[in-house]
Amino acid sequence: MQGDRDFSRRAGLQAYFVAFFSLAYAAVFLGLVHGHPEAHRASALANALIAAGGLSATIAIVGVTGRIAALDGRWLAALGVGYALLSATHGVYSALAEVGAIEVPDLAPTDPRGFATFGLAGLGFPRELATLAIVDGVDLVLLFVATVAAAENLVLVSGGLASVVLGPAFWIWTGRVLRR
């Protein structure tokens, strides 16, 4: 049981890292990238922060799902880690494209990890944290729709909420729960 407790504490630390990477991404994107299409290095840094957050989220998600019933937890862990790895892949791919290391087809990449992370991982946690997870999940769906529709103002509002308010609040709270 001590190993589970140690892992939970490490997973809580990774949840804090996800919150940090989200806030750092928002600062870089809003401060250096948005409105500056020539800022390829800053954009690559923003995408690297998405990748780092996705990788940290894999550990935090396993910590979260470890507190859920065994079968449900394993299914949610596989789903959540899969989505977090997709997010990390999106960040690495986009960062490499920004610095010209790879050629990108004319497609808009999306970040799907929020569907599993926030829509499902709130199960088995305090009701308020689960509610925050659902609100963040809805905001991420709205961000996805806004991105597909190229509604820039809605992208900025829903993306700002996701990366500056709702996401970091979820991950900080999750980190506190896991580290107890």
N, C-alpha and C. Protein backbone atom coordinates (compact mmCIF):
# COMPACT_ATOMS: atom_id res chain seq x y z
N MET A 1 0.81 -1.20 0.00
CA MET A 1 0.00 0.00 0.00
C MET A 1 0.86 1.26 0.00
N GLN A 2 2.07 1.20 0.59
CA GLN A 2 2.93 2.39 0.60
C GLN A 2 3.31 2.80 -0.82
N GLY A 3 3.52 1.80 -1.69
CA GLY A 3 3.85 2.11 -3.08
C GLY A 3 2.73 2.88 -3.76
N ASP A 4 1.47 2.49 -3.47
CA ASP A 4 0.33 3.22 -4.03
C ASP A 4 0.32 4.64 -3.52
N ARG A 5 0.60 4.83 -2.25
CA ARG A 5 0.61 6.16 -1.65
C ARG A 5 1.71 7.02 -2.26
N ASP A 6 2.89 6.43 -2.45
CA ASP A 6 4.00 7.17 -3.05
C ASP A 6 3.67 7.56 -4.49
N PHE A 7 3.08 6.62 -5.24
CA PHE A 7 2.72 6.94 -6.62
C PHE A 7 1.67 8.04 -6.65
N SER A 8 0.70 7.97 -5.76
CA SER A 8 -0.35 8.98 -5.72
C SER A 8 0.25 10.36 -5.47
N ARG A 9 1.24 10.44 -4.59
CA ARG A 9 1.89 11.72 -4.32
C ARG A 9 2.65 12.22 -5.56
N ARG A 10 3.34 11.30 -6.25
CA ARG A 10 4.04 11.69 -7.48
C ARG A 10 3.04 12.11 -8.56
N ALA A 11 1.93 11.41 -8.63
CA ALA A 11 0.89 11.78 -9.60
C ALA A 11 0.32 13.15 -9.27
N GLY A 12 0.19 13.45 -7.98
CA GLY A 12 -0.28 14.77 -7.58
C GLY A 12 0.68 15.86 -8.02
N LEU A 13 1.98 15.59 -7.89
CA LEU A 13 2.99 16.55 -8.35
C LEU A 13 2.87 16.75 -9.86
N GLN A 14 2.64 15.68 -10.59
CA GLN A 14 2.48 15.80 -12.05
C GLN A 14 1.23 16.61 -12.40
N ALA A 15 0.18 16.49 -11.59
CA ALA A 15 -1.03 17.30 -11.82
C ALA A 15 -0.68 18.78 -11.66
N TYR A 16 0.15 19.11 -10.68
CA TYR A 16 0.60 20.50 -10.52
C TYR A 16 1.39 20.94 -11.76
N PHE A 17 2.22 20.03 -12.28
CA PHE A 17 2.98 20.37 -13.50
C PHE A 17 2.05 20.64 -14.67
N VAL A 18 0.97 19.86 -14.80
CA VAL A 18 0.02 20.09 -15.89
C VAL A 18 -0.56 21.50 -15.77
N ALA A 19 -0.92 21.90 -14.55
CA ALA A 19 -1.44 23.26 -14.33
C ALA A 19 -0.38 24.30 -14.71
N PHE A 20 0.87 24.08 -14.31
CA PHE A 20 1.95 25.01 -14.65
C PHE A 20 2.14 25.11 -16.16
N PHE A 21 2.18 23.96 -16.83
CA PHE A 21 2.37 23.97 -18.29
C PHE A 21 1.21 24.67 -18.99
N SER A 22 0.02 24.51 -18.47
CA SER A 22 -1.14 25.17 -19.05
C SER A 22 -1.03 26.69 -18.93
N LEU A 23 -0.65 27.16 -17.75
CA LEU A 23 -0.48 28.60 -17.55
C LEU A 23 0.68 29.16 -18.37
N ALA A 24 1.78 28.39 -18.44
CA ALA A 24 2.93 28.83 -19.24
C ALA A 24 2.55 28.88 -20.72
N TYR A 25 1.80 27.89 -21.17
CA TYR A 25 1.32 27.89 -22.56
C TYR A 25 0.50 29.15 -22.83
N ALA A 26 -0.42 29.46 -21.94
CA ALA A 26 -1.28 30.64 -22.13
C ALA A 26 -0.44 31.91 -22.20
N ALA A 27 0.56 32.02 -21.33
CA ALA A 27 1.41 33.21 -21.33
C ALA A 27 2.19 33.33 -22.64
N VAL A 28 2.76 32.23 -23.09
CA VAL A 28 3.54 32.25 -24.33
C VAL A 28 2.63 32.51 -25.53
N PHE A 29 1.51 31.79 -25.58
CA PHE A 29 0.62 31.94 -26.73
C PHE A 29 0.04 33.35 -26.80
N LEU A 30 -0.54 33.81 -25.70
CA LEU A 30 -1.18 35.12 -25.72
C LEU A 30 -0.16 36.26 -25.78
N GLY A 31 0.99 36.07 -25.15
CA GLY A 31 1.98 37.14 -25.12
C GLY A 31 2.90 37.20 -26.33
N LEU A 32 3.19 36.06 -26.92
CA LEU A 32 4.20 36.04 -27.99
C LEU A 32 3.71 35.51 -29.33
N VAL A 33 2.69 34.67 -29.34
CA VAL A 33 2.29 33.99 -30.58
C VAL A 33 1.07 34.65 -31.22
N HIS A 34 0.03 34.85 -30.45
CA HIS A 34 -1.23 35.37 -31.00
C HIS A 34 -1.00 36.73 -31.66
N GLY A 35 -1.38 36.80 -32.91
CA GLY A 35 -1.21 38.04 -33.66
C GLY A 35 0.18 38.23 -34.25
N HIS A 36 1.05 37.23 -34.06
CA HIS A 36 2.42 37.30 -34.58
C HIS A 36 2.72 36.01 -35.36
N PRO A 37 2.21 35.89 -36.58
CA PRO A 37 2.39 34.64 -37.33
C PRO A 37 3.85 34.33 -37.64
N GLU A 38 4.73 35.31 -37.53
CA GLU A 38 6.16 35.07 -37.81
C GLU A 38 6.91 34.54 -36.58
N ALA A 39 6.27 34.44 -35.45
CA ALA A 39 6.92 34.03 -34.20
C ALA A 39 6.97 32.50 -34.11
N HIS A 40 7.74 31.89 -35.00
CA HIS A 40 7.78 30.43 -35.08
C HIS A 40 8.42 29.79 -33.86
N ARG A 41 9.46 30.39 -33.32
CA ARG A 41 10.11 29.79 -32.14
C ARG A 41 9.19 29.87 -30.92
N ALA A 42 8.51 30.99 -30.76
CA ALA A 42 7.57 31.11 -29.64
C ALA A 42 6.42 30.13 -29.80
N SER A 43 5.95 29.95 -31.03
CA SER A 43 4.89 28.99 -31.29
C SER A 43 5.37 27.57 -31.01
N ALA A 44 6.61 27.27 -31.38
CA ALA A 44 7.18 25.96 -31.09
C ALA A 44 7.26 25.74 -29.58
N LEU A 45 7.64 26.78 -28.83
CA LEU A 45 7.69 26.67 -27.37
C LEU A 45 6.29 26.42 -26.82
N ALA A 46 5.29 27.14 -27.31
CA ALA A 46 3.91 26.92 -26.86
C ALA A 46 3.48 25.49 -27.11
N ASN A 47 3.81 24.97 -28.27
CA ASN A 47 3.45 23.58 -28.58
C ASN A 47 4.25 22.58 -27.74
N ALA A 48 5.49 22.89 -27.44
CA ALA A 48 6.27 22.03 -26.55
C ALA A 48 5.65 21.99 -25.15
N LEU A 49 5.09 23.11 -24.72
CA LEU A 49 4.40 23.13 -23.42
C LEU A 49 3.14 22.28 -23.44
N ILE A 50 2.44 22.24 -24.57
CA ILE A 50 1.29 21.33 -24.71
C ILE A 50 1.78 19.89 -24.57
N ALA A 51 2.89 19.57 -25.24
CA ALA A 51 3.43 18.21 -25.17
C ALA A 51 3.83 17.85 -23.74
N ALA A 52 4.51 18.76 -23.05
CA ALA A 52 4.92 18.50 -21.67
C ALA A 52 3.71 18.29 -20.77
N GLY A 53 2.68 19.11 -20.97
CA GLY A 53 1.46 18.93 -20.19
C GLY A 53 0.80 17.59 -20.45
N GLY A 54 0.79 17.17 -21.72
CA GLY A 54 0.22 15.87 -22.06
C GLY A 54 0.98 14.73 -21.41
N LEU A 55 2.30 14.81 -21.41
CA LEU A 55 3.10 13.76 -20.78
C LEU A 55 2.90 13.73 -19.26
N SER A 56 2.87 14.90 -18.64
CA SER A 56 2.61 14.94 -17.19
C SER A 56 1.21 14.44 -16.88
N ALA A 57 0.27 14.73 -17.75
CA ALA A 57 -1.12 14.29 -17.53
C ALA A 57 -1.24 12.77 -17.52
N THR A 58 -0.37 12.07 -18.28
CA THR A 58 -0.47 10.60 -18.28
C THR A 58 -0.29 10.05 -16.87
N ILE A 59 0.66 10.58 -16.13
CA ILE A 59 0.92 10.10 -14.77
C ILE A 59 -0.19 10.54 -13.83
N ALA A 60 -0.62 11.80 -13.96
CA ALA A 60 -1.69 12.30 -13.10
C ALA A 60 -2.98 11.51 -13.33
N ILE A 61 -3.28 11.18 -14.58
CA ILE A 61 -4.50 10.44 -14.89
C ILE A 61 -4.45 9.05 -14.28
N VAL A 62 -3.32 8.39 -14.35
CA VAL A 62 -3.20 7.07 -13.73
C VAL A 62 -3.40 7.19 -12.22
N GLY A 63 -2.87 8.26 -11.62
CA GLY A 63 -3.09 8.49 -10.19
C GLY A 63 -4.56 8.70 -9.87
N VAL A 64 -5.25 9.47 -10.71
CA VAL A 64 -6.68 9.72 -10.51
C VAL A 64 -7.46 8.42 -10.63
N THR A 65 -7.21 7.69 -11.69
CA THR A 65 -8.00 6.48 -11.94
C THR A 65 -7.65 5.37 -10.96
N GLY A 66 -6.49 5.45 -10.32
CA GLY A 66 -6.14 4.47 -9.29
C GLY A 66 -7.05 4.55 -8.08
N ARG A 67 -7.76 5.63 -7.95
CA ARG A 67 -8.67 5.80 -6.82
C ARG A 67 -10.09 5.37 -7.16
N ILE A 68 -10.29 4.89 -8.37
CA ILE A 68 -11.60 4.44 -8.82
C ILE A 68 -11.60 2.92 -8.81
N ALA A 69 -12.77 2.31 -8.72
CA ALA A 69 -12.88 0.85 -8.71
C ALA A 69 -11.98 0.24 -9.79
N ALA A 70 -11.40 -0.91 -9.48
CA ALA A 70 -10.35 -1.50 -10.31
C ALA A 70 -10.69 -1.58 -11.80
N LEU A 71 -11.80 -2.18 -12.18
CA LEU A 71 -12.10 -2.34 -13.60
C LEU A 71 -12.40 -1.00 -14.26
N ASP A 72 -13.24 -0.18 -13.62
CA ASP A 72 -13.53 1.14 -14.16
C ASP A 72 -12.27 1.98 -14.24
N GLY A 73 -11.44 1.91 -13.21
CA GLY A 73 -10.20 2.69 -13.18
C GLY A 73 -9.25 2.32 -14.30
N ARG A 74 -9.12 1.02 -14.58
CA ARG A 74 -8.21 0.59 -15.65
C ARG A 74 -8.71 1.09 -17.00
N TRP A 75 -10.02 1.00 -17.25
CA TRP A 75 -10.58 1.46 -18.52
C TRP A 75 -10.38 2.96 -18.66
N LEU A 76 -10.67 3.71 -17.60
CA LEU A 76 -10.49 5.16 -17.65
C LEU A 76 -9.02 5.53 -17.77
N ALA A 77 -8.14 4.77 -17.13
CA ALA A 77 -6.71 5.05 -17.25
C ALA A 77 -6.25 4.88 -18.69
N ALA A 78 -6.66 3.79 -19.32
CA ALA A 78 -6.27 3.56 -20.71
C ALA A 78 -6.79 4.67 -21.61
N LEU A 79 -8.05 5.04 -21.43
CA LEU A 79 -8.64 6.10 -22.25
C LEU A 79 -7.95 7.44 -21.98
N GLY A 80 -7.79 7.78 -20.71
CA GLY A 80 -7.18 9.07 -20.36
C GLY A 80 -5.73 9.18 -20.79
N VAL A 81 -4.96 8.12 -20.59
CA VAL A 81 -3.55 8.14 -21.01
C VAL A 81 -3.47 8.21 -22.53
N GLY A 82 -4.35 7.50 -23.21
CA GLY A 82 -4.37 7.58 -24.68
C GLY A 82 -4.61 9.00 -25.16
N TYR A 83 -5.59 9.66 -24.57
CA TYR A 83 -5.87 11.04 -24.96
C TYR A 83 -4.74 11.99 -24.56
N ALA A 84 -4.13 11.77 -23.42
CA ALA A 84 -3.01 12.62 -23.01
C ALA A 84 -1.83 12.44 -23.97
N LEU A 85 -1.60 11.21 -24.41
CA LEU A 85 -0.52 10.97 -25.38
C LEU A 85 -0.84 11.60 -26.73
N LEU A 86 -2.12 11.60 -27.12
CA LEU A 86 -2.50 12.30 -28.35
C LEU A 86 -2.20 13.80 -28.22
N SER A 87 -2.45 14.34 -27.06
CA SER A 87 -2.16 15.76 -26.83
C SER A 87 -0.66 16.01 -26.92
N ALA A 88 0.12 15.14 -26.30
CA ALA A 88 1.58 15.29 -26.36
C ALA A 88 2.06 15.17 -27.81
N THR A 89 1.50 14.22 -28.55
CA THR A 89 1.86 14.05 -29.96
C THR A 89 1.52 15.31 -30.76
N HIS A 90 0.34 15.85 -30.50
CA HIS A 90 -0.07 17.10 -31.16
C HIS A 90 0.94 18.20 -30.88
N GLY A 91 1.37 18.32 -29.62
CA GLY A 91 2.33 19.37 -29.27
C GLY A 91 3.67 19.19 -29.95
N VAL A 92 4.19 17.97 -29.95
CA VAL A 92 5.49 17.70 -30.58
C VAL A 92 5.39 17.92 -32.09
N TYR A 93 4.35 17.39 -32.71
CA TYR A 93 4.14 17.54 -34.15
C TYR A 93 4.07 19.02 -34.53
N SER A 94 3.28 19.78 -33.79
CA SER A 94 3.12 21.20 -34.10
C SER A 94 4.41 21.97 -33.85
N ALA A 95 5.15 21.62 -32.79
CA ALA A 95 6.42 22.30 -32.51
C ALA A 95 7.42 22.04 -33.64
N LEU A 96 7.50 20.79 -34.09
CA LEU A 96 8.42 20.47 -35.19
C LEU A 96 8.02 21.18 -36.47
N ALA A 97 6.72 21.30 -36.70
CA ALA A 97 6.25 22.01 -37.89
C ALA A 97 6.62 23.49 -37.82
N GLU A 98 6.54 24.08 -36.64
CA GLU A 98 6.83 25.52 -36.48
C GLU A 98 8.29 25.85 -36.78
N VAL A 99 9.19 24.96 -36.45
CA VAL A 99 10.61 25.25 -36.70
C VAL A 99 11.07 24.69 -38.04
N GLY A 100 10.12 24.17 -38.83
CA GLY A 100 10.44 23.71 -40.17
C GLY A 100 11.08 22.34 -40.24
N ALA A 101 11.03 21.58 -39.16
CA ALA A 101 11.64 20.25 -39.16
C ALA A 101 10.82 19.23 -39.93
N ILE A 102 9.51 19.46 -40.06
CA ILE A 102 8.65 18.59 -40.85
C ILE A 102 7.69 19.45 -41.65
N GLU A 103 7.20 18.89 -42.74
CA GLU A 103 6.21 19.59 -43.55
C GLU A 103 4.83 19.14 -43.12
N VAL A 104 3.94 20.08 -42.94
CA VAL A 104 2.61 19.79 -42.43
C VAL A 104 1.58 19.97 -43.54
N PRO A 105 0.69 18.98 -43.71
CA PRO A 105 -0.39 19.18 -44.67
C PRO A 105 -1.31 20.31 -44.19
N ASP A 106 -2.15 20.78 -45.04
CA ASP A 106 -3.02 21.92 -44.71
C ASP A 106 -4.21 21.46 -43.88
N LEU A 107 -3.94 20.95 -42.68
CA LEU A 107 -4.98 20.51 -41.75
C LEU A 107 -4.79 21.23 -40.43
N ALA A 108 -5.87 21.48 -39.74
CA ALA A 108 -5.78 22.11 -38.42
C ALA A 108 -5.77 21.02 -37.35
N PRO A 109 -4.64 20.85 -36.62
CA PRO A 109 -4.61 19.84 -35.57
C PRO A 109 -5.48 20.27 -34.40
N THR A 110 -6.02 19.29 -33.70
CA THR A 110 -6.84 19.58 -32.53
C THR A 110 -6.25 18.87 -31.32
N ASP A 111 -6.72 19.23 -30.16
CA ASP A 111 -6.24 18.67 -28.91
C ASP A 111 -7.39 17.94 -28.22
N PRO A 112 -7.52 16.61 -28.45
CA PRO A 112 -8.69 15.91 -27.95
C PRO A 112 -8.59 15.42 -26.51
N ARG A 113 -7.48 15.63 -25.82
CA ARG A 113 -7.33 14.97 -24.53
C ARG A 113 -8.38 15.39 -23.52
N GLY A 114 -8.93 16.57 -23.64
CA GLY A 114 -9.90 17.05 -22.67
C GLY A 114 -11.14 16.20 -22.55
N PHE A 115 -11.55 15.52 -23.61
CA PHE A 115 -12.76 14.71 -23.54
C PHE A 115 -12.64 13.66 -22.45
N ALA A 116 -11.54 12.92 -22.41
CA ALA A 116 -11.38 11.89 -21.39
C ALA A 116 -10.90 12.49 -20.07
N THR A 117 -9.96 13.38 -20.14
CA THR A 117 -9.38 13.93 -18.92
C THR A 117 -10.43 14.61 -18.06
N PHE A 118 -11.21 15.50 -18.66
CA PHE A 118 -12.15 16.28 -17.87
C PHE A 118 -13.55 15.69 -17.89
N GLY A 119 -13.91 15.00 -18.94
CA GLY A 119 -15.25 14.46 -19.01
C GLY A 119 -15.44 13.20 -18.19
N LEU A 120 -14.37 12.43 -17.97
CA LEU A 120 -14.49 11.15 -17.28
C LEU A 120 -13.70 11.06 -15.98
N ALA A 121 -12.54 11.69 -15.89
CA ALA A 121 -11.66 11.49 -14.75
C ALA A 121 -12.18 12.10 -13.47
N GLY A 122 -13.22 12.90 -13.51
CA GLY A 122 -13.80 13.47 -12.30
C GLY A 122 -14.58 12.46 -11.49
N LEU A 123 -14.82 11.27 -12.05
CA LEU A 123 -15.56 10.25 -11.33
C LEU A 123 -14.80 9.83 -10.08
N GLY A 124 -15.52 9.69 -8.98
CA GLY A 124 -14.91 9.19 -7.75
C GLY A 124 -14.18 10.24 -6.95
N PHE A 125 -14.26 11.50 -7.31
CA PHE A 125 -13.61 12.58 -6.58
C PHE A 125 -14.68 13.45 -5.93
N PRO A 126 -14.27 14.42 -5.13
CA PRO A 126 -15.27 15.29 -4.49
C PRO A 126 -16.23 15.86 -5.54
N ARG A 127 -17.49 15.97 -5.15
CA ARG A 127 -18.53 16.41 -6.08
C ARG A 127 -18.16 17.74 -6.75
N GLU A 128 -17.59 18.67 -6.01
CA GLU A 128 -17.24 19.96 -6.59
C GLU A 128 -16.15 19.82 -7.64
N LEU A 129 -15.18 18.93 -7.39
CA LEU A 129 -14.11 18.69 -8.36
C LEU A 129 -14.68 18.01 -9.61
N ALA A 130 -15.61 17.07 -9.42
CA ALA A 130 -16.25 16.43 -10.57
C ALA A 130 -17.03 17.46 -11.38
N THR A 131 -17.70 18.38 -10.70
CA THR A 131 -18.44 19.44 -11.40
C THR A 131 -17.49 20.32 -12.18
N LEU A 132 -16.36 20.69 -11.58
CA LEU A 132 -15.35 21.49 -12.29
C LEU A 132 -14.85 20.73 -13.51
N ALA A 133 -14.63 19.42 -13.37
CA ALA A 133 -14.17 18.60 -14.49
C ALA A 133 -15.18 18.63 -15.63
N ILE A 134 -16.45 18.55 -15.30
CA ILE A 134 -17.49 18.56 -16.33
C ILE A 134 -17.55 19.92 -17.01
N VAL A 135 -17.49 20.99 -16.22
CA VAL A 135 -17.52 22.35 -16.80
C VAL A 135 -16.33 22.54 -17.73
N ASP A 136 -15.15 22.08 -17.29
CA ASP A 136 -13.96 22.20 -18.14
C ASP A 136 -14.10 21.35 -19.39
N GLY A 137 -14.68 20.16 -19.25
CA GLY A 137 -14.91 19.32 -20.42
C GLY A 137 -15.84 19.98 -21.43
N VAL A 138 -16.91 20.61 -20.94
CA VAL A 138 -17.83 21.32 -21.83
C VAL A 138 -17.10 22.48 -22.52
N ASP A 139 -16.27 23.20 -21.75
CA ASP A 139 -15.50 24.30 -22.33
C ASP A 139 -14.54 23.79 -23.41
N LEU A 140 -13.93 22.64 -23.19
CA LEU A 140 -13.01 22.08 -24.19
C LEU A 140 -13.76 21.64 -25.45
N VAL A 141 -14.98 21.12 -25.28
CA VAL A 141 -15.79 20.79 -26.46
C VAL A 141 -16.12 22.07 -27.22
N LEU A 142 -16.47 23.13 -26.49
CA LEU A 142 -16.74 24.42 -27.12
C LEU A 142 -15.49 24.94 -27.85
N LEU A 143 -14.32 24.77 -27.23
CA LEU A 143 -13.06 25.17 -27.87
C LEU A 143 -12.85 24.38 -29.16
N PHE A 144 -13.12 23.09 -29.12
CA PHE A 144 -12.98 22.27 -30.31
C PHE A 144 -13.89 22.77 -31.43
N VAL A 145 -15.16 23.01 -31.10
CA VAL A 145 -16.12 23.49 -32.09
C VAL A 145 -15.70 24.86 -32.63
N ALA A 146 -15.26 25.74 -31.74
CA ALA A 146 -14.82 27.07 -32.16
C ALA A 146 -13.60 26.98 -33.08
N THR A 147 -12.69 26.04 -32.80
CA THR A 147 -11.51 25.85 -33.64
C THR A 147 -11.92 25.37 -35.03
N VAL A 148 -12.79 24.39 -35.07
CA VAL A 148 -13.25 23.85 -36.36
C VAL A 148 -13.98 24.94 -37.16
N ALA A 149 -14.77 25.77 -36.45
CA ALA A 149 -15.53 26.83 -37.12
C ALA A 149 -14.69 28.07 -37.40
N ALA A 150 -13.43 28.07 -36.97
CA ALA A 150 -12.52 29.21 -37.13
C ALA A 150 -13.12 30.49 -36.54
N ALA A 151 -13.78 30.35 -35.38
CA ALA A 151 -14.37 31.49 -34.67
C ALA A 151 -13.33 32.00 -33.67
N GLU A 152 -12.44 32.89 -34.15
CA GLU A 152 -11.26 33.29 -33.38
C GLU A 152 -11.60 33.85 -32.00
N ASN A 153 -12.62 34.71 -31.90
CA ASN A 153 -12.96 35.27 -30.59
C ASN A 153 -13.42 34.20 -29.62
N LEU A 154 -14.22 33.25 -30.10
CA LEU A 154 -14.67 32.16 -29.25
C LEU A 154 -13.51 31.24 -28.88
N VAL A 155 -12.58 31.05 -29.79
CA VAL A 155 -11.37 30.26 -29.48
C VAL A 155 -10.60 30.94 -28.35
N LEU A 156 -10.43 32.26 -28.44
CA LEU A 156 -9.68 32.97 -27.39
C LEU A 156 -10.39 32.90 -26.05
N VAL A 157 -11.71 33.04 -26.03
CA VAL A 157 -12.44 33.00 -24.77
C VAL A 157 -12.44 31.60 -24.17
N SER A 158 -12.86 30.61 -24.96
CA SER A 158 -12.93 29.24 -24.43
C SER A 158 -11.53 28.69 -24.17
N GLY A 159 -10.57 29.01 -25.04
CA GLY A 159 -9.18 28.58 -24.82
C GLY A 159 -8.57 29.24 -23.61
N GLY A 160 -8.88 30.52 -23.42
CA GLY A 160 -8.39 31.22 -22.23
C GLY A 160 -8.95 30.62 -20.96
N LEU A 161 -10.24 30.33 -20.96
CA LEU A 161 -10.85 29.68 -19.79
C LEU A 161 -10.19 28.33 -19.52
N ALA A 162 -9.97 27.56 -20.60
CA ALA A 162 -9.39 26.22 -20.45
C ALA A 162 -7.95 26.27 -19.95
N SER A 163 -7.15 27.19 -20.49
CA SER A 163 -5.72 27.16 -20.16
C SER A 163 -5.33 28.05 -18.99
N VAL A 164 -6.19 29.02 -18.63
CA VAL A 164 -5.82 29.95 -17.56
C VAL A 164 -6.65 29.74 -16.30
N VAL A 165 -7.90 29.31 -16.44
CA VAL A 165 -8.77 29.23 -15.27
C VAL A 165 -9.18 27.79 -14.96
N LEU A 166 -9.99 27.21 -15.83
CA LEU A 166 -10.60 25.91 -15.52
C LEU A 166 -9.59 24.76 -15.46
N GLY A 167 -8.74 24.65 -16.48
CA GLY A 167 -7.74 23.57 -16.49
C GLY A 167 -6.79 23.63 -15.31
N PRO A 168 -6.13 24.78 -15.10
CA PRO A 168 -5.23 24.85 -13.94
C PRO A 168 -5.95 24.61 -12.61
N ALA A 169 -7.17 25.14 -12.46
CA ALA A 169 -7.92 24.90 -11.22
C ALA A 169 -8.18 23.41 -11.02
N PHE A 170 -8.58 22.72 -12.11
CA PHE A 170 -8.81 21.28 -12.03
C PHE A 170 -7.54 20.54 -11.62
N TRP A 171 -6.43 20.85 -12.29
CA TRP A 171 -5.19 20.10 -12.02
C TRP A 171 -4.60 20.43 -10.65
N ILE A 172 -4.70 21.66 -10.21
CA ILE A 172 -4.20 22.00 -8.87
C ILE A 172 -5.03 21.29 -7.81
N TRP A 173 -6.34 21.31 -7.96
CA TRP A 173 -7.21 20.63 -7.01
C TRP A 173 -6.96 19.12 -7.05
N THR A 174 -6.82 18.56 -8.25
CA THR A 174 -6.52 17.13 -8.37
C THR A 174 -5.19 16.82 -7.70
N GLY A 175 -4.18 17.68 -7.91
CA GLY A 175 -2.89 17.47 -7.24
C GLY A 175 -3.02 17.46 -5.73
N ARG A 176 -3.83 18.35 -5.20
CA ARG A 176 -4.05 18.38 -3.74
C ARG A 176 -4.71 17.12 -3.26
N VAL A 177 -5.72 16.63 -4.00
CA VAL A 177 -6.40 15.40 -3.62
C VAL A 177 -5.44 14.22 -3.66
N LEU A 178 -4.64 14.13 -4.71
CA LEU A 178 -3.73 13.00 -4.86
C LEU A 178 -2.59 13.03 -3.84
N ARG A 179 -2.18 14.18 -3.42
CA ARG A 179 -1.05 14.28 -2.49
C ARG A 179 -1.46 14.09 -1.03
N ARG A 180 -2.75 14.02 -0.76
CA ARG A 180 -3.20 13.80 0.62
C ARG A 180 -2.94 12.40 1.06
